N, C-alpha and C. Protein backbone atom coordinates (compact mmCIF):
# COMPACT_ATOMS: atom_id res chain seq x y z
N UNK A 1 0.85 -1.18 0.00
CA UNK A 1 0.00 0.00 0.00
C UNK A 1 0.89 1.24 0.00
N UNK A 2 0.62 2.12 -0.95
CA UNK A 2 1.38 3.37 -1.04
C UNK A 2 0.89 4.34 0.02
N UNK A 3 1.83 4.98 0.71
CA UNK A 3 1.47 5.96 1.72
C UNK A 3 1.45 7.35 1.10
N UNK A 4 0.56 8.21 1.64
CA UNK A 4 0.48 9.60 1.19
C UNK A 4 0.74 10.50 2.38
N UNK A 5 1.03 11.76 2.08
CA UNK A 5 1.25 12.72 3.15
C UNK A 5 -0.08 13.33 3.58
N UNK A 6 -0.07 14.00 4.73
CA UNK A 6 -1.26 14.70 5.21
C UNK A 6 -1.64 15.81 4.22
N UNK A 7 -0.66 16.37 3.54
CA UNK A 7 -0.94 17.40 2.52
C UNK A 7 -1.70 16.80 1.34
N UNK A 8 -1.35 15.56 0.95
CA UNK A 8 -2.08 14.89 -0.13
C UNK A 8 -3.53 14.64 0.29
N UNK A 9 -3.73 14.16 1.52
CA UNK A 9 -5.08 13.90 2.02
C UNK A 9 -5.89 15.19 2.06
N UNK A 10 -5.25 16.29 2.46
CA UNK A 10 -5.95 17.57 2.59
C UNK A 10 -6.49 18.07 1.24
N UNK A 11 -5.94 17.57 0.14
CA UNK A 11 -6.41 17.97 -1.19
C UNK A 11 -7.76 17.35 -1.54
N UNK A 12 -8.13 16.26 -0.85
CA UNK A 12 -9.39 15.59 -1.13
C UNK A 12 -10.53 16.30 -0.42
N UNK A 13 -11.55 16.66 -1.18
CA UNK A 13 -12.74 17.30 -0.62
C UNK A 13 -13.84 16.24 -0.56
N UNK A 14 -13.88 15.51 0.55
CA UNK A 14 -14.86 14.44 0.74
C UNK A 14 -15.99 15.01 1.60
N UNK A 15 -17.22 14.94 1.06
CA UNK A 15 -18.37 15.55 1.73
C UNK A 15 -19.55 14.60 1.81
N UNK A 16 -20.43 14.92 2.75
CA UNK A 16 -21.67 14.19 2.88
C UNK A 16 -22.69 14.79 1.90
N UNK A 17 -23.32 13.92 1.14
CA UNK A 17 -24.31 14.37 0.16
C UNK A 17 -25.61 13.61 0.37
N UNK A 18 -26.73 14.29 0.15
CA UNK A 18 -28.05 13.66 0.24
C UNK A 18 -28.55 13.37 -1.17
N UNK A 19 -29.01 12.15 -1.40
CA UNK A 19 -29.53 11.76 -2.70
C UNK A 19 -30.92 12.34 -2.88
N UNK A 20 -31.06 13.26 -3.84
CA UNK A 20 -32.35 13.88 -4.13
C UNK A 20 -33.14 13.07 -5.14
N UNK A 21 -32.43 12.51 -6.13
CA UNK A 21 -33.08 11.66 -7.13
C UNK A 21 -32.07 10.66 -7.66
N UNK A 22 -32.60 9.56 -8.19
CA UNK A 22 -31.76 8.50 -8.75
C UNK A 22 -32.50 7.82 -9.89
N UNK A 23 -31.78 7.53 -10.96
CA UNK A 23 -32.39 6.83 -12.08
C UNK A 23 -31.32 6.01 -12.81
N UNK A 24 -31.75 4.88 -13.33
CA UNK A 24 -30.83 4.04 -14.10
C UNK A 24 -30.41 4.78 -15.38
N UNK A 25 -29.16 4.55 -15.78
CA UNK A 25 -28.66 5.15 -17.02
C UNK A 25 -29.02 4.20 -18.16
N UNK A 26 -29.77 4.72 -19.14
CA UNK A 26 -30.21 3.92 -20.27
C UNK A 26 -29.00 3.36 -21.02
N UNK A 27 -29.05 2.05 -21.30
CA UNK A 27 -27.97 1.41 -22.04
C UNK A 27 -26.87 0.83 -21.16
N UNK A 28 -27.00 0.96 -19.84
CA UNK A 28 -26.00 0.44 -18.92
C UNK A 28 -26.66 -0.43 -17.85
N UNK A 29 -26.03 -1.53 -17.51
CA UNK A 29 -26.53 -2.39 -16.43
C UNK A 29 -25.97 -1.97 -15.08
N UNK A 30 -24.88 -1.20 -15.07
CA UNK A 30 -24.18 -0.87 -13.82
C UNK A 30 -24.42 0.54 -13.30
N UNK A 31 -24.80 1.46 -14.18
CA UNK A 31 -24.79 2.88 -13.82
C UNK A 31 -26.12 3.44 -13.35
N UNK A 32 -26.03 4.30 -12.34
CA UNK A 32 -27.17 5.07 -11.85
C UNK A 32 -26.76 6.54 -11.86
N UNK A 33 -27.66 7.39 -12.37
CA UNK A 33 -27.45 8.84 -12.34
C UNK A 33 -28.09 9.38 -11.06
N UNK A 34 -27.28 10.06 -10.25
CA UNK A 34 -27.74 10.61 -8.98
C UNK A 34 -27.74 12.12 -9.02
N UNK A 35 -28.74 12.74 -8.45
CA UNK A 35 -28.72 14.17 -8.16
C UNK A 35 -28.49 14.28 -6.67
N UNK A 36 -27.39 14.93 -6.29
CA UNK A 36 -26.98 15.00 -4.90
C UNK A 36 -27.01 16.43 -4.38
N UNK A 37 -27.43 16.61 -3.14
CA UNK A 37 -27.38 17.91 -2.48
C UNK A 37 -26.18 17.95 -1.55
N UNK A 38 -25.39 19.02 -1.69
CA UNK A 38 -24.28 19.28 -0.78
C UNK A 38 -24.64 20.41 0.17
N UNK A 39 -25.91 20.65 0.35
CA UNK A 39 -26.39 21.73 1.22
C UNK A 39 -26.60 23.00 0.44
N UNK A 40 -25.51 23.59 -0.05
CA UNK A 40 -25.61 24.86 -0.77
C UNK A 40 -25.54 24.71 -2.29
N UNK A 41 -25.41 23.48 -2.78
CA UNK A 41 -25.38 23.23 -4.23
C UNK A 41 -25.82 21.81 -4.52
N UNK A 42 -26.20 21.59 -5.78
CA UNK A 42 -26.57 20.26 -6.24
C UNK A 42 -25.58 19.79 -7.29
N UNK A 43 -25.32 18.50 -7.31
CA UNK A 43 -24.40 17.90 -8.27
C UNK A 43 -25.03 16.68 -8.91
N UNK A 44 -24.62 16.40 -10.14
CA UNK A 44 -24.97 15.16 -10.81
C UNK A 44 -23.76 14.25 -10.77
N UNK A 45 -23.97 13.02 -10.34
CA UNK A 45 -22.90 12.03 -10.27
C UNK A 45 -23.41 10.73 -10.87
N UNK A 46 -22.59 10.13 -11.71
CA UNK A 46 -22.90 8.82 -12.28
C UNK A 46 -22.09 7.79 -11.50
N UNK A 47 -22.78 6.80 -10.94
CA UNK A 47 -22.12 5.81 -10.09
C UNK A 47 -22.41 4.39 -10.58
N UNK A 48 -21.42 3.54 -10.54
CA UNK A 48 -21.55 2.15 -10.96
C UNK A 48 -22.06 1.25 -9.85
N UNK A 49 -23.25 1.54 -9.35
CA UNK A 49 -23.78 0.82 -8.18
C UNK A 49 -25.12 0.13 -8.46
N UNK A 50 -25.56 0.11 -9.71
CA UNK A 50 -26.91 -0.39 -10.04
C UNK A 50 -27.08 -1.89 -9.79
N UNK A 51 -26.01 -2.65 -9.71
CA UNK A 51 -26.14 -4.08 -9.42
C UNK A 51 -26.33 -4.33 -7.92
N UNK A 52 -26.13 -3.28 -7.12
CA UNK A 52 -26.21 -3.42 -5.67
C UNK A 52 -27.33 -2.59 -5.03
N UNK A 53 -27.78 -1.55 -5.73
CA UNK A 53 -28.82 -0.66 -5.19
C UNK A 53 -29.81 -0.32 -6.29
N UNK A 54 -31.08 -0.24 -5.91
CA UNK A 54 -32.10 0.24 -6.84
C UNK A 54 -32.19 1.76 -6.67
N UNK A 55 -32.61 2.48 -7.70
CA UNK A 55 -32.77 3.93 -7.55
C UNK A 55 -33.70 4.30 -6.39
N UNK A 56 -34.77 3.52 -6.19
CA UNK A 56 -35.75 3.83 -5.15
C UNK A 56 -35.15 3.79 -3.74
N UNK A 57 -34.24 2.87 -3.49
CA UNK A 57 -33.68 2.77 -2.14
C UNK A 57 -32.59 3.80 -1.87
N UNK A 58 -32.16 4.52 -2.91
CA UNK A 58 -31.12 5.53 -2.74
C UNK A 58 -31.67 6.91 -2.38
N UNK A 59 -32.87 7.23 -2.85
CA UNK A 59 -33.44 8.56 -2.62
C UNK A 59 -33.61 8.80 -1.12
N UNK A 60 -33.07 9.93 -0.66
CA UNK A 60 -33.14 10.30 0.75
C UNK A 60 -31.93 9.85 1.56
N UNK A 61 -31.14 8.94 1.02
CA UNK A 61 -29.97 8.41 1.73
C UNK A 61 -28.85 9.46 1.72
N UNK A 62 -28.10 9.53 2.81
CA UNK A 62 -26.93 10.40 2.89
C UNK A 62 -25.68 9.54 2.70
N UNK A 63 -24.83 9.95 1.74
CA UNK A 63 -23.67 9.16 1.35
C UNK A 63 -22.44 10.06 1.23
N UNK A 64 -21.27 9.46 1.20
CA UNK A 64 -20.05 10.23 1.01
C UNK A 64 -19.71 10.34 -0.46
N UNK A 65 -19.18 11.51 -0.83
CA UNK A 65 -18.73 11.71 -2.21
C UNK A 65 -17.44 12.50 -2.23
N UNK A 66 -16.63 12.25 -3.26
CA UNK A 66 -15.45 13.05 -3.52
C UNK A 66 -15.91 14.21 -4.39
N UNK A 67 -15.92 15.41 -3.81
CA UNK A 67 -16.53 16.57 -4.47
C UNK A 67 -15.59 17.31 -5.42
N UNK A 68 -14.28 17.15 -5.25
CA UNK A 68 -13.38 17.94 -6.10
C UNK A 68 -12.68 17.10 -7.17
N UNK A 69 -13.32 16.02 -7.59
CA UNK A 69 -12.83 15.24 -8.73
C UNK A 69 -13.20 15.99 -10.01
N UNK A 70 -12.27 16.02 -10.97
CA UNK A 70 -12.56 16.70 -12.24
C UNK A 70 -13.79 16.07 -12.90
N UNK A 71 -14.71 16.89 -13.42
CA UNK A 71 -15.89 16.35 -14.11
C UNK A 71 -15.48 15.47 -15.28
N UNK A 72 -16.33 14.46 -15.55
CA UNK A 72 -16.04 13.51 -16.63
C UNK A 72 -17.36 13.06 -17.23
N UNK A 73 -17.41 12.93 -18.56
CA UNK A 73 -18.63 12.46 -19.23
C UNK A 73 -18.66 10.93 -19.20
N UNK A 74 -19.78 10.39 -18.71
CA UNK A 74 -19.99 8.96 -18.66
C UNK A 74 -21.36 8.70 -19.29
N UNK A 75 -21.37 7.93 -20.38
CA UNK A 75 -22.61 7.67 -21.13
C UNK A 75 -23.30 8.98 -21.50
N UNK A 76 -22.51 10.00 -21.83
CA UNK A 76 -23.04 11.29 -22.25
C UNK A 76 -23.50 12.19 -21.13
N UNK A 77 -23.33 11.76 -19.87
CA UNK A 77 -23.76 12.54 -18.71
C UNK A 77 -22.51 13.06 -18.00
N UNK A 78 -22.48 14.37 -17.70
CA UNK A 78 -21.34 14.90 -16.97
C UNK A 78 -21.45 14.53 -15.49
N UNK A 79 -20.48 13.74 -15.02
CA UNK A 79 -20.44 13.33 -13.62
C UNK A 79 -19.54 14.32 -12.88
N UNK A 80 -20.08 14.92 -11.82
CA UNK A 80 -19.40 16.00 -11.10
C UNK A 80 -18.90 15.56 -9.73
N UNK A 81 -18.31 14.39 -9.67
CA UNK A 81 -17.79 13.85 -8.43
C UNK A 81 -17.81 12.34 -8.46
N UNK A 82 -17.53 11.73 -7.32
CA UNK A 82 -17.51 10.28 -7.22
C UNK A 82 -18.12 9.85 -5.89
N UNK A 83 -19.03 8.90 -5.96
CA UNK A 83 -19.61 8.32 -4.76
C UNK A 83 -18.59 7.35 -4.17
N UNK A 84 -18.43 7.38 -2.84
CA UNK A 84 -17.49 6.48 -2.17
C UNK A 84 -18.24 5.28 -1.60
N UNK A 85 -17.65 4.10 -1.79
CA UNK A 85 -18.26 2.86 -1.32
C UNK A 85 -17.17 1.88 -0.91
N UNK A 86 -17.59 0.93 -0.10
CA UNK A 86 -16.69 -0.16 0.30
C UNK A 86 -16.99 -1.37 -0.58
N UNK A 87 -15.95 -2.09 -1.00
CA UNK A 87 -16.15 -3.30 -1.79
C UNK A 87 -15.36 -4.45 -1.20
N UNK A 88 -15.95 -5.62 -1.30
CA UNK A 88 -15.31 -6.86 -0.87
C UNK A 88 -15.88 -7.98 -1.72
N UNK A 89 -15.02 -8.58 -2.52
CA UNK A 89 -15.44 -9.61 -3.46
C UNK A 89 -16.58 -9.08 -4.32
N UNK A 90 -17.77 -9.65 -4.23
CA UNK A 90 -18.89 -9.19 -5.05
C UNK A 90 -19.87 -8.32 -4.28
N UNK A 91 -19.47 -7.83 -3.10
CA UNK A 91 -20.34 -6.99 -2.29
C UNK A 91 -19.92 -5.53 -2.41
N UNK A 92 -20.89 -4.64 -2.27
CA UNK A 92 -20.64 -3.20 -2.29
C UNK A 92 -21.53 -2.55 -1.25
N UNK A 93 -20.98 -1.61 -0.48
CA UNK A 93 -21.76 -0.90 0.52
C UNK A 93 -21.40 0.58 0.48
N UNK A 94 -22.42 1.42 0.33
CA UNK A 94 -22.20 2.85 0.41
C UNK A 94 -21.79 3.22 1.83
N UNK A 95 -21.03 4.28 1.97
CA UNK A 95 -20.58 4.74 3.28
C UNK A 95 -21.59 5.78 3.76
N UNK A 96 -22.25 5.48 4.87
CA UNK A 96 -23.29 6.35 5.41
C UNK A 96 -22.97 6.71 6.86
N UNK A 97 -23.36 7.91 7.31
CA UNK A 97 -23.08 8.31 8.70
C UNK A 97 -23.96 7.55 9.69
N UNK A 98 -23.46 7.40 10.91
CA UNK A 98 -24.25 6.73 11.94
C UNK A 98 -25.04 7.72 12.80
N UNK A 99 -24.90 9.02 12.50
CA UNK A 99 -25.67 10.07 13.17
C UNK A 99 -26.21 11.03 12.11
N UNK A 100 -27.21 11.84 12.49
CA UNK A 100 -27.78 12.81 11.55
C UNK A 100 -26.84 14.00 11.43
N UNK A 101 -26.21 14.11 10.29
CA UNK A 101 -25.27 15.19 9.98
C UNK A 101 -25.80 15.90 8.74
N UNK A 102 -25.67 17.23 8.71
CA UNK A 102 -26.14 18.01 7.57
C UNK A 102 -25.33 17.71 6.31
N UNK A 103 -26.03 17.67 5.17
CA UNK A 103 -25.32 17.46 3.92
C UNK A 103 -24.37 18.63 3.66
N UNK A 104 -23.25 18.30 3.03
CA UNK A 104 -22.19 19.29 2.80
C UNK A 104 -21.07 19.20 3.84
N UNK A 105 -21.33 18.49 4.96
CA UNK A 105 -20.30 18.33 5.98
C UNK A 105 -19.06 17.67 5.37
N UNK A 106 -17.88 18.16 5.76
CA UNK A 106 -16.62 17.65 5.20
C UNK A 106 -16.02 16.56 6.08
N UNK A 107 -15.38 15.61 5.43
CA UNK A 107 -14.61 14.59 6.14
C UNK A 107 -13.34 15.23 6.64
N UNK A 108 -13.00 14.97 7.89
CA UNK A 108 -11.76 15.54 8.45
C UNK A 108 -11.03 14.51 9.27
């Protein structure tokens, strides 16, 4: 495992986001288009989680996202960040807070 400095970690803007809407991306078995609230702004993120979550179970959920990732077009949709999840073999779990925290809160 490569180690990074605290300065490298400080460059990552990891925030809590609330899922406002979710829909499957047409033509893909893996992708879901999410509209996320960061409190003071909304973002669109395309995430490869459709084999593990339905759009209906995502709406209202608070999840972690990398907010300062350069935007990238995926299936013609501009993704403005990355959803963070844990993976083990064929399992995937979104990272969710264990207490009620406002969306937009930063990981520190």
